Amino acid sequence: MDDLKQFNKKLFPYAYNILGNIDDSQDIIQDVFIRYNEKDVSSISNQNAYLIKAVINQAINLKKKNDRERQKKFILPEPIVTNQGENNIELDEILNYSMLVLLDTLNIKERAVFLLKEAFDYDHDEIAEILTISIDNSRQLLTRAKKKLKLRKPDILPSSTKDRLHLEKYVETIRKGDVKTLEQMLSDEVRVLADAGSKLKVIAQLTSGIEDTVKLMTYVFEYYQKDLEIKIEEINHQPALLFYRGTTLINCQIFELNPDGKVTSIFSVVDPDKLLKI
């Protein structure tokens, strides 16, 4: 049996891509690890398959519970830095941020099937065994998931040095208060989604359109961010701005860029509990 560190490295993406929460994912993995070590495993022929199934199903149950408790309250996933040589997480298997947000439009079974098929390349008989459903049901759930996501699926390019240049220009532009240039950097369908958690408040959870987005972002910068230190980072494989007051991270803004380099979405995480791990 691998030690907990190696165990966590392999299984974390399965839990996190379902839950979008780091602590919940790690708690589930540790619980599965403890239960496995207490179990008579002599009859288990495929250790990895057993552990993956256990983690996925516990993550599904917790996701259902969390969704009921939040009662459709809007929340964003907890961000993860993905450009560092983190030894205890398979970073390549962590979904990009925009896709994690999109997956919240699916029900939990659709989400699980979509993840296993599209992110982890499982076939339908494997998915059916893991989720205790029929193969036909697995296919139907995938079809429904793809249909729901088709109209919303973001055209995300892999994070690159160009992304950093786009964000450097964005910061320079917003510092100058250059509204015209800022408008040119945004796509027509641009939107800002903000999550402050239960401890803080945001001006608006959803803002859309170029004019309203420019008004919001310039206002927030002028009154809340102009004196903060700004760092450019890669979060969930997308370019992001981190706003610091001293050593305290105040805001993480994850950007979605289209192939032309224009901003289509800004995901603004202000919830202090979700910024602790960055």
C-alpha atoms as a PDB file:
ATOM      1  CA  MET A   1       0.000   0.000   0.000  1.00  0.00           C
ATOM      2  CA  ASP A   2       1.361   3.415  -0.952  1.00  0.00           C
ATOM      3  CA  ASP A   3       1.881   5.917   1.830  1.00  0.00           C
ATOM      4  CA  LEU A   4      -0.736   8.630   2.299  1.00  0.00           C
ATOM      5  CA  LYS A   5       1.238  11.188   0.264  1.00  0.00           C
ATOM      6  CA  GLN A   6       1.317   9.011  -2.860  1.00  0.00           C
ATOM      7  CA  PHE A   7      -2.257   7.920  -2.204  1.00  0.00           C
ATOM      8  CA  ASN A   8      -3.378  11.552  -2.054  1.00  0.00           C
ATOM      9  CA  LYS A   9      -1.447  12.471  -5.210  1.00  0.00           C
ATOM     10  CA  LYS A  10      -3.298   9.930  -7.327  1.00  0.00           C
ATOM     11  CA  LEU A  11      -6.785  10.322  -5.891  1.00  0.00           C
ATOM     12  CA  PHE A  12      -6.993  14.052  -5.192  1.00  0.00           C
ATOM     13  CA  PRO A  13      -8.035  15.082  -8.742  1.00  0.00           C
ATOM     14  CA  TYR A  14     -11.011  12.696  -8.665  1.00  0.00           C
ATOM     15  CA  ALA A  15     -12.352  14.222  -5.456  1.00  0.00           C
ATOM     16  CA  TYR A  16     -11.455  17.842  -6.212  1.00  0.00           C
ATOM     17  CA  ASN A  17     -12.935  17.838  -9.727  1.00  0.00           C
ATOM     18  CA  ILE A  18     -16.245  16.719  -8.202  1.00  0.00           C
ATOM     19  CA  LEU A  19     -16.197  18.936  -5.096  1.00  0.00           C
ATOM     20  CA  GLY A  20     -14.131  21.998  -6.052  1.00  0.00           C
ATOM     21  CA  ASN A  21     -12.879  22.128  -2.462  1.00  0.00           C
ATOM     22  CA  ILE A  22      -9.400  21.200  -1.234  1.00  0.00           C
ATOM     23  CA  ASP A  23     -10.061  20.344   2.432  1.00  0.00           C
ATOM     24  CA  ASP A  24     -13.170  18.297   1.646  1.00  0.00           C
ATOM     25  CA  SER A  25     -11.236  16.359  -0.989  1.00  0.00           C
ATOM     26  CA  GLN A  26      -8.334  15.620   1.338  1.00  0.00           C
ATOM     27  CA  ASP A  27     -10.687  14.614   4.166  1.00  0.00           C
ATOM     28  CA  ILE A  28     -12.433  12.105   1.916  1.00  0.00           C
ATOM     29  CA  ILE A  29      -9.138  10.601   0.769  1.00  0.00           C
ATOM     30  CA  GLN A  30      -7.892  10.263   4.334  1.00  0.00           C
ATOM     31  CA  ASP A  31     -11.159   8.632   5.392  1.00  0.00           C
ATOM     32  CA  VAL A  32     -10.977   6.138   2.514  1.00  0.00           C
ATOM     33  CA  PHE A  33      -7.324   5.450   3.355  1.00  0.00           C
ATOM     34  CA  ILE A  34      -8.177   4.698   7.011  1.00  0.00           C
ATOM     35  CA  ARG A  35     -11.134   2.481   6.112  1.00  0.00           C
ATOM     36  CA  TYR A  36      -9.028   0.581   3.586  1.00  0.00           C
ATOM     37  CA  ASN A  37      -6.291  -0.117   6.126  1.00  0.00           C
ATOM     38  CA  GLU A  38      -8.878  -1.420   8.588  1.00  0.00           C
ATOM     39  CA  LYS A  39     -10.445  -3.709   5.997  1.00  0.00           C
ATOM     40  CA  ASP A  40      -9.634  -7.285   5.013  1.00  0.00           C
ATOM     41  CA  VAL A  41      -8.335  -6.510   1.520  1.00  0.00           C
ATOM     42  CA  SER A  42      -7.375 -10.040   0.529  1.00  0.00           C
ATOM     43  CA  SER A  43     -10.378 -10.287  -1.793  1.00  0.00           C
ATOM     44  CA  ILE A  44      -9.634  -6.980  -3.562  1.00  0.00           C
ATOM     45  CA  SER A  45      -7.882  -7.797  -6.838  1.00  0.00           C
ATOM     46  CA  ASN A  46      -7.556  -4.241  -8.174  1.00  0.00           C
ATOM     47  CA  GLN A  47      -6.495  -1.862  -5.414  1.00  0.00           C
ATOM     48  CA  ASN A  48      -6.497   1.291  -7.544  1.00  0.00           C
ATOM     49  CA  ALA A  49      -9.964   0.659  -8.956  1.00  0.00           C
ATOM     50  CA  TYR A  50     -11.333  -0.012  -5.469  1.00  0.00           C
ATOM     51  CA  LEU A  51      -9.853   3.183  -4.013  1.00  0.00           C
ATOM     52  CA  ILE A  52     -10.897   5.363  -6.934  1.00  0.00           C
ATOM     53  CA  LYS A  53     -14.459   4.038  -6.724  1.00  0.00           C
ATOM     54  CA  ALA A  54     -14.576   4.688  -2.975  1.00  0.00           C
ATOM     55  CA  VAL A  55     -13.264   8.253  -3.319  1.00  0.00           C
ATOM     56  CA  ILE A  56     -15.587   9.117  -6.205  1.00  0.00           C
ATOM     57  CA  ASN A  57     -18.691   7.828  -4.455  1.00  0.00           C
ATOM     58  CA  GLN A  58     -17.863   9.571  -1.181  1.00  0.00           C
ATOM     59  CA  ALA A  59     -17.220  12.783  -3.120  1.00  0.00           C
ATOM     60  CA  ILE A  60     -20.581  12.428  -4.874  1.00  0.00           C
ATOM     61  CA  ASN A  61     -22.392  11.956  -1.560  1.00  0.00           C
ATOM     62  CA  LEU A  62     -20.668  14.961  -0.010  1.00  0.00           C
ATOM     63  CA  LYS A  63     -21.380  17.094  -3.090  1.00  0.00           C
ATOM     64  CA  LYS A  64     -25.075  16.219  -2.809  1.00  0.00           C
ATOM     65  CA  LYS A  65     -25.037  17.172   0.879  1.00  0.00           C
ATOM     66  CA  ASN A  66     -23.191  20.441   0.220  1.00  0.00           C
ATOM     67  CA  ASP A  67     -25.571  21.392  -2.591  1.00  0.00           C
ATOM     68  CA  ARG A  68     -28.596  20.778  -0.363  1.00  0.00           C
ATOM     69  CA  GLU A  69     -27.129  22.872   2.436  1.00  0.00           C
ATOM     70  CA  ARG A  70     -26.202  25.800   0.258  1.00  0.00           C
ATOM     71  CA  GLN A  71     -29.683  25.741  -1.375  1.00  0.00           C
ATOM     72  CA  LYS A  72     -28.490  26.909  -4.791  1.00  0.00           C
ATOM     73  CA  LYS A  73     -26.399  29.694  -3.290  1.00  0.00           C
ATOM     74  CA  PHE A  74     -23.767  30.696  -5.826  1.00  0.00           C
ATOM     75  CA  ILE A  75     -20.206  29.691  -4.994  1.00  0.00           C
ATOM     76  CA  LEU A  76     -16.994  29.439  -7.000  1.00  0.00           C
ATOM     77  CA  PRO A  77     -14.533  26.528  -6.772  1.00  0.00           C
ATOM     78  CA  GLU A  78     -11.536  26.825  -4.469  1.00  0.00           C
ATOM     79  CA  PRO A  79      -8.556  27.898  -6.631  1.00  0.00           C
ATOM     80  CA  ILE A  80      -5.361  25.846  -7.002  1.00  0.00           C
ATOM     81  CA  VAL A  81      -1.990  27.112  -8.264  1.00  0.00           C
ATOM     82  CA  THR A  82      -1.083  24.852 -11.201  1.00  0.00           C
ATOM     83  CA  ASN A  83       2.281  26.102 -12.459  1.00  0.00           C
ATOM     84  CA  GLN A  84       4.346  24.916  -9.505  1.00  0.00           C
ATOM     85  CA  GLY A  85       6.106  21.591  -9.047  1.00  0.00           C
ATOM     86  CA  GLU A  86       3.681  20.407  -6.379  1.00  0.00           C
ATOM     87  CA  ASN A  87       4.700  16.894  -5.356  1.00  0.00           C
ATOM     88  CA  ASN A  88       1.487  15.783  -3.719  1.00  0.00           C
ATOM     89  CA  ILE A  89      -1.046  16.601  -6.444  1.00  0.00           C
ATOM     90  CA  GLU A  90      -1.375  15.425 -10.070  1.00  0.00           C
ATOM     91  CA  LEU A  91      -1.781  18.959 -11.404  1.00  0.00           C
ATOM     92  CA  ASP A  92      -2.316  17.898 -15.023  1.00  0.00           C
ATOM     93  CA  GLU A  93      -5.525  16.134 -13.995  1.00  0.00           C
ATOM     94  CA  ILE A  94      -6.981  19.188 -12.259  1.00  0.00           C
ATOM     95  CA  LEU A  95      -9.633  20.746 -14.508  1.00  0.00           C
ATOM     96  CA  ASN A  96      -9.326  24.314 -15.696  1.00  0.00           C
ATOM     97  CA  TYR A  97     -11.295  26.833 -13.684  1.00  0.00           C
ATOM     98  CA  SER A  98     -13.887  27.699 -16.323  1.00  0.00           C
ATOM     99  CA  MET A  99     -14.790  24.045 -16.760  1.00  0.00           C
ATOM    100  CA  LEU A 100     -15.187  23.566 -12.996  1.00  0.00           C
ATOM    101  CA  VAL A 101     -17.609  26.495 -12.950  1.00  0.00           C
ATOM    102  CA  LEU A 102     -19.516  25.051 -15.906  1.00  0.00           C
ATOM    103  CA  LEU A 103     -19.791  21.642 -14.289  1.00  0.00           C
ATOM    104  CA  ASP A 104     -21.930  23.164 -11.545  1.00  0.00           C
ATOM    105  CA  THR A 105     -24.701  23.481 -14.157  1.00  0.00           C
ATOM    106  CA  LEU A 106     -24.919  19.658 -14.221  1.00  0.00           C
ATOM    107  CA  ASN A 107     -26.520  17.382 -11.678  1.00  0.00           C
ATOM    108  CA  ILE A 108     -24.081  15.277  -9.688  1.00  0.00           C
ATOM    109  CA  LYS A 109     -24.475  12.056 -11.720  1.00  0.00           C
ATOM    110  CA  GLU A 110     -24.031  13.945 -15.004  1.00  0.00           C
ATOM    111  CA  ARG A 111     -20.962  15.635 -13.550  1.00  0.00           C
ATOM    112  CA  ALA A 112     -19.434  12.342 -12.402  1.00  0.00           C
ATOM    113  CA  VAL A 113     -20.012  10.590 -15.737  1.00  0.00           C
ATOM    114  CA  PHE A 114     -18.680  13.564 -17.704  1.00  0.00           C
ATOM    115  CA  LEU A 115     -15.546  13.744 -15.556  1.00  0.00           C
ATOM    116  CA  LEU A 116     -14.806  10.033 -15.738  1.00  0.00           C
ATOM    117  CA  LYS A 117     -15.329   9.884 -19.517  1.00  0.00           C
ATOM    118  CA  GLU A 118     -13.886  13.187 -20.675  1.00  0.00           C
ATOM    119  CA  ALA A 119     -11.238  13.965 -18.053  1.00  0.00           C
ATOM    120  CA  PHE A 120     -10.077  10.477 -17.052  1.00  0.00           C
ATOM    121  CA  ASP A 121     -10.861   8.526 -20.255  1.00  0.00           C
ATOM    122  CA  TYR A 122     -12.954   5.785 -18.641  1.00  0.00           C
ATOM    123  CA  ASP A 123     -15.223   3.721 -20.885  1.00  0.00           C
ATOM    124  CA  HIS A 124     -18.914   3.303 -20.136  1.00  0.00           C
ATOM    125  CA  ASP A 125     -18.704  -0.174 -18.630  1.00  0.00           C
ATOM    126  CA  GLU A 126     -16.072   1.088 -16.153  1.00  0.00           C
ATOM    127  CA  ILE A 127     -18.195   4.135 -15.320  1.00  0.00           C
ATOM    128  CA  ALA A 128     -21.265   1.963 -14.839  1.00  0.00           C
ATOM    129  CA  GLU A 129     -19.386  -0.246 -12.387  1.00  0.00           C
ATOM    130  CA  ILE A 130     -18.008   2.707 -10.398  1.00  0.00           C
ATOM    131  CA  LEU A 131     -21.347   4.532 -10.130  1.00  0.00           C
ATOM    132  CA  THR A 132     -23.522   1.392  -9.894  1.00  0.00           C
ATOM    133  CA  ILE A 133     -25.603   2.327 -12.923  1.00  0.00           C
ATOM    134  CA  SER A 134     -26.284   0.625 -16.249  1.00  0.00           C
ATOM    135  CA  ILE A 135     -24.072   1.161 -19.288  1.00  0.00           C
ATOM    136  CA  ASP A 136     -27.034   2.686 -21.150  1.00  0.00           C
ATOM    137  CA  ASN A 137     -27.651   5.067 -18.263  1.00  0.00           C
ATOM    138  CA  SER A 138     -23.993   6.101 -18.347  1.00  0.00           C
ATOM    139  CA  ARG A 139     -24.287   6.899 -22.053  1.00  0.00           C
ATOM    140  CA  GLN A 140     -27.515   8.840 -21.505  1.00  0.00           C
ATOM    141  CA  LEU A 141     -26.002  10.871 -18.669  1.00  0.00           C
ATOM    142  CA  LEU A 142     -22.989  11.758 -20.819  1.00  0.00           C
ATOM    143  CA  THR A 143     -25.232  12.819 -23.704  1.00  0.00           C
ATOM    144  CA  ARG A 144     -27.296  15.029 -21.394  1.00  0.00           C
ATOM    145  CA  ALA A 145     -24.174  16.531 -19.841  1.00  0.00           C
ATOM    146  CA  LYS A 146     -22.639  17.360 -23.221  1.00  0.00           C
ATOM    147  CA  LYS A 147     -25.913  18.876 -24.408  1.00  0.00           C
ATOM    148  CA  LYS A 148     -26.086  21.137 -21.345  1.00  0.00           C
ATOM    149  CA  LEU A 149     -22.445  22.177 -21.679  1.00  0.00           C
ATOM    150  CA  LYS A 150     -22.432  22.650 -25.454  1.00  0.00           C
ATOM    151  CA  LEU A 151     -23.910  26.126 -25.451  1.00  0.00           C
ATOM    152  CA  ARG A 152     -21.709  27.252 -22.576  1.00  0.00           C
ATOM    153  CA  LYS A 153     -18.421  25.437 -23.187  1.00  0.00           C
ATOM    154  CA  PRO A 154     -15.587  27.984 -23.056  1.00  0.00           C
ATOM    155  CA  ASP A 155     -12.950  28.001 -25.785  1.00  0.00           C
ATOM    156  CA  ILE A 156      -9.975  27.805 -23.433  1.00  0.00           C
ATOM    157  CA  LEU A 157      -6.435  27.843 -24.737  1.00  0.00           C
ATOM    158  CA  PRO A 158      -3.632  26.387 -22.609  1.00  0.00           C
ATOM    159  CA  SER A 159      -2.080  29.026 -20.366  1.00  0.00           C
ATOM    160  CA  SER A 160       0.947  30.593 -22.064  1.00  0.00           C
ATOM    161  CA  THR A 161       3.366  33.498 -21.888  1.00  0.00           C
ATOM    162  CA  LYS A 162       0.878  35.461 -24.015  1.00  0.00           C
ATOM    163  CA  ASP A 163      -1.618  35.192 -21.171  1.00  0.00           C
ATOM    164  CA  ARG A 164       0.854  36.894 -18.866  1.00  0.00           C
ATOM    165  CA  LEU A 165       1.315  39.705 -21.382  1.00  0.00           C
ATOM    166  CA  HIS A 166      -2.463  40.147 -21.660  1.00  0.00           C
ATOM    167  CA  LEU A 167      -2.764  40.421 -17.882  1.00  0.00           C
ATOM    168  CA  GLU A 168       0.175  42.819 -17.637  1.00  0.00           C
ATOM    169  CA  LYS A 169      -1.571  45.043 -20.175  1.00  0.00           C
ATOM    170  CA  TYR A 170      -4.862  44.687 -18.282  1.00  0.00           C
ATOM    171  CA  VAL A 171      -3.244  45.794 -14.999  1.00  0.00           C
ATOM    172  CA  GLU A 172      -1.471  48.709 -16.689  1.00  0.00           C
ATOM    173  CA  THR A 173      -4.715  49.777 -18.367  1.00  0.00           C
ATOM    174  CA  ILE A 174      -6.850  49.621 -15.243  1.00  0.00           C
ATOM    175  CA  ARG A 175      -4.187  51.495 -13.244  1.00  0.00           C
ATOM    176  CA  LYS A 176      -4.346  54.317 -15.770  1.00  0.00           C
ATOM    177  CA  GLY A 177      -8.134  54.295 -15.775  1.00  0.00           C
ATOM    178  CA  ASP A 178      -8.002  53.938 -19.571  1.00  0.00           C
ATOM    179  CA  VAL A 179     -11.625  52.984 -20.157  1.00  0.00           C
ATOM    180  CA  LYS A 180     -11.426  52.891 -23.962  1.00  0.00           C
ATOM    181  CA  THR A 181      -8.498  50.457 -24.034  1.00  0.00           C
ATOM    182  CA  LEU A 182     -10.075  48.346 -21.300  1.00  0.00           C
ATOM    183  CA  GLU A 183     -13.273  48.056 -23.332  1.00  0.00           C
ATOM    184  CA  GLN A 184     -11.228  46.843 -26.306  1.00  0.00           C
ATOM    185  CA  MET A 185      -9.700  44.083 -24.162  1.00  0.00           C
ATOM    186  CA  LEU A 186     -13.105  42.603 -23.302  1.00  0.00           C
ATOM    187  CA  SER A 187     -15.298  40.380 -25.466  1.00  0.00           C
ATOM    188  CA  ASP A 188     -18.911  41.363 -26.083  1.00  0.00           C
ATOM    189  CA  GLU A 189     -20.143  38.507 -23.877  1.00  0.00           C
ATOM    190  CA  VAL A 190     -17.779  39.249 -20.977  1.00  0.00           C
ATOM    191  CA  ARG A 191     -19.036  38.477 -17.474  1.00  0.00           C
ATOM    192  CA  VAL A 192     -17.731  38.767 -13.923  1.00  0.00           C
ATOM    193  CA  LEU A 193     -18.680  36.147 -11.325  1.00  0.00           C
ATOM    194  CA  ALA A 194     -17.793  36.948  -7.712  1.00  0.00           C
ATOM    195  CA  ASP A 195     -17.823  34.856  -4.537  1.00  0.00           C
ATOM    196  CA  ALA A 196     -17.143  36.357  -1.100  1.00  0.00           C
ATOM    197  CA  GLY A 197     -18.355  33.397   0.949  1.00  0.00           C
ATOM    198  CA  SER A 198     -20.296  33.912   4.174  1.00  0.00           C
ATOM    199  CA  LYS A 199     -17.875  36.359   5.817  1.00  0.00           C
ATOM    200  CA  LEU A 200     -17.778  39.163   3.245  1.00  0.00           C
ATOM    201  CA  LYS A 201     -19.983  40.764   0.615  1.00  0.00           C
ATOM    202  CA  VAL A 202     -19.395  41.606  -3.032  1.00  0.00           C
ATOM    203  CA  ILE A 203     -20.888  44.472  -5.007  1.00  0.00           C
ATOM    204  CA  ALA A 204     -22.516  41.994  -7.409  1.00  0.00           C
ATOM    205  CA  GLN A 205     -22.337  38.230  -7.843  1.00  0.00           C
ATOM    206  CA  LEU A 206     -22.865  38.485 -11.598  1.00  0.00           C
ATOM    207  CA  THR A 207     -22.051  41.350 -13.930  1.00  0.00           C
ATOM    208  CA  SER A 208     -22.217  41.014 -17.713  1.00  0.00           C
ATOM    209  CA  GLY A 209     -21.529  43.101 -20.799  1.00  0.00           C
ATOM    210  CA  ILE A 210     -18.603  45.378 -21.594  1.00  0.00           C
ATOM    211  CA  GLU A 211     -20.025  48.612 -20.173  1.00  0.00           C
ATOM    212  CA  ASP A 212     -21.098  47.202 -16.808  1.00  0.00           C
ATOM    213  CA  THR A 213     -17.927  45.120 -16.471  1.00  0.00           C
ATOM    214  CA  VAL A 214     -15.703  48.147 -17.045  1.00  0.00           C
ATOM    215  CA  LYS A 215     -17.698  50.180 -14.513  1.00  0.00           C
ATOM    216  CA  LEU A 216     -17.443  47.418 -11.916  1.00  0.00           C
ATOM    217  CA  MET A 217     -13.763  46.575 -12.372  1.00  0.00           C
ATOM    218  CA  THR A 218     -12.581  50.197 -12.459  1.00  0.00           C
ATOM    219  CA  TYR A 219     -14.678  51.026  -9.379  1.00  0.00           C
ATOM    220  CA  VAL A 220     -13.378  48.025  -7.429  1.00  0.00           C
ATOM    221  CA  PHE A 221      -9.805  48.804  -8.411  1.00  0.00           C
ATOM    222  CA  GLU A 222     -10.028  52.498  -7.523  1.00  0.00           C
ATOM    223  CA  TYR A 223     -11.665  52.012  -4.128  1.00  0.00           C
ATOM    224  CA  TYR A 224     -10.322  48.644  -2.991  1.00  0.00           C
ATOM    225  CA  GLN A 225      -7.262  47.532  -4.965  1.00  0.00           C
ATOM    226  CA  LYS A 226      -5.093  50.382  -6.200  1.00  0.00           C
ATOM    227  CA  ASP A 227      -2.799  50.233  -3.157  1.00  0.00           C
ATOM    228  CA  LEU A 228      -2.471  46.432  -3.164  1.00  0.00           C
ATOM    229  CA  GLU A 229       0.443  44.434  -4.537  1.00  0.00           C
ATOM    230  CA  ILE A 230      -0.566  42.545  -7.678  1.00  0.00           C
ATOM    231  CA  LYS A 231       1.001  39.279  -8.805  1.00  0.00           C
ATOM    232  CA  ILE A 232       0.300  37.286 -11.954  1.00  0.00           C
ATOM    233  CA  GLU A 233      -0.194  33.558 -11.383  1.00  0.00           C
ATOM    234  CA  GLU A 234      -1.582  30.450 -13.071  1.00  0.00           C
ATOM    235  CA  ILE A 235      -4.686  29.162 -11.302  1.00  0.00           C
ATOM    236  CA  ASN A 236      -6.330  25.940 -12.480  1.00  0.00           C
ATOM    237  CA  HIS A 237      -4.408  26.265 -15.777  1.00  0.00           C
ATOM    238  CA  GLN A 238      -5.709  29.798 -16.425  1.00  0.00           C
ATOM    239  CA  PRO A 239      -4.081  33.221 -15.979  1.00  0.00           C
ATOM    240  CA  ALA A 240      -4.951  35.009 -12.750  1.00  0.00           C
ATOM    241  CA  LEU A 241      -4.263  38.137 -10.729  1.00  0.00           C
ATOM    242  CA  LEU A 242      -3.545  37.890  -7.009  1.00  0.00           C
ATOM    243  CA  PHE A 243      -4.088  41.009  -4.884  1.00  0.00           C
ATOM    244  CA  TYR A 244      -2.078  41.204  -1.652  1.00  0.00           C
ATOM    245  CA  ARG A 245      -2.157  43.520   1.333  1.00  0.00           C
ATOM    246  CA  GLY A 246       1.230  42.756   2.848  1.00  0.00           C
ATOM    247  CA  THR A 247       1.382  38.969   3.001  1.00  0.00           C
ATOM    248  CA  THR A 248      -2.406  38.548   3.072  1.00  0.00           C
ATOM    249  CA  LEU A 249      -4.130  37.524  -0.146  1.00  0.00           C
ATOM    250  CA  ILE A 250      -7.253  39.653  -0.549  1.00  0.00           C
ATOM    251  CA  ASN A 251      -8.586  38.659  -3.957  1.00  0.00           C
ATOM    252  CA  CYS A 252      -7.900  36.089  -6.666  1.00  0.00           C
ATOM    253  CA  GLN A 253      -9.217  36.935 -10.139  1.00  0.00           C
ATOM    254  CA  ILE A 254      -9.090  34.089 -12.662  1.00  0.00           C
ATOM    255  CA  PHE A 255      -9.378  35.127 -16.315  1.00  0.00           C
ATOM    256  CA  GLU A 256     -10.904  33.273 -19.230  1.00  0.00           C
ATOM    257  CA  LEU A 257      -9.512  34.457 -22.557  1.00  0.00           C
ATOM    258  CA  ASN A 258     -10.789  33.608 -26.025  1.00  0.00           C
ATOM    259  CA  PRO A 259      -8.432  32.728 -28.929  1.00  0.00           C
ATOM    260  CA  ASP A 260      -8.161  36.438 -29.785  1.00  0.00           C
ATOM    261  CA  GLY A 261      -6.884  37.194 -26.287  1.00  0.00           C
ATOM    262  CA  LYS A 262     -10.045  39.032 -25.232  1.00  0.00           C
ATOM    263  CA  VAL A 263     -11.468  38.498 -21.756  1.00  0.00           C
ATOM    264  CA  THR A 264     -14.679  36.462 -21.757  1.00  0.00           C
ATOM    265  CA  SER A 265     -14.958  35.792 -18.012  1.00  0.00           C
ATOM    266  CA  ILE A 266     -13.427  36.989 -14.760  1.00  0.00           C
ATOM    267  CA  PHE A 267     -13.946  34.748 -11.734  1.00  0.00           C
ATOM    268  CA  SER A 268     -13.328  36.826  -8.627  1.00  0.00           C
ATOM    269  CA  VAL A 269     -12.712  34.869  -5.423  1.00  0.00           C
ATOM    270  CA  VAL A 270     -12.835  37.078  -2.321  1.00  0.00           C
ATOM    271  CA  ASP A 271     -13.866  34.401   0.187  1.00  0.00           C
ATOM    272  CA  PRO A 272     -10.905  34.359   2.628  1.00  0.00           C
ATOM    273  CA  ASP A 273     -11.402  30.645   3.360  1.00  0.00           C
ATOM    274  CA  LYS A 274     -10.821  29.830  -0.314  1.00  0.00           C
ATOM    275  CA  LEU A 275      -7.646  31.909  -0.517  1.00  0.00           C
ATOM    276  CA  LEU A 276      -5.761  30.205   2.306  1.00  0.00           C
ATOM    277  CA  LYS A 277      -4.150  27.485   0.178  1.00  0.00           C
ATOM    278  CA  ILE A 278      -2.737  29.779  -2.539  1.00  0.00           C
END
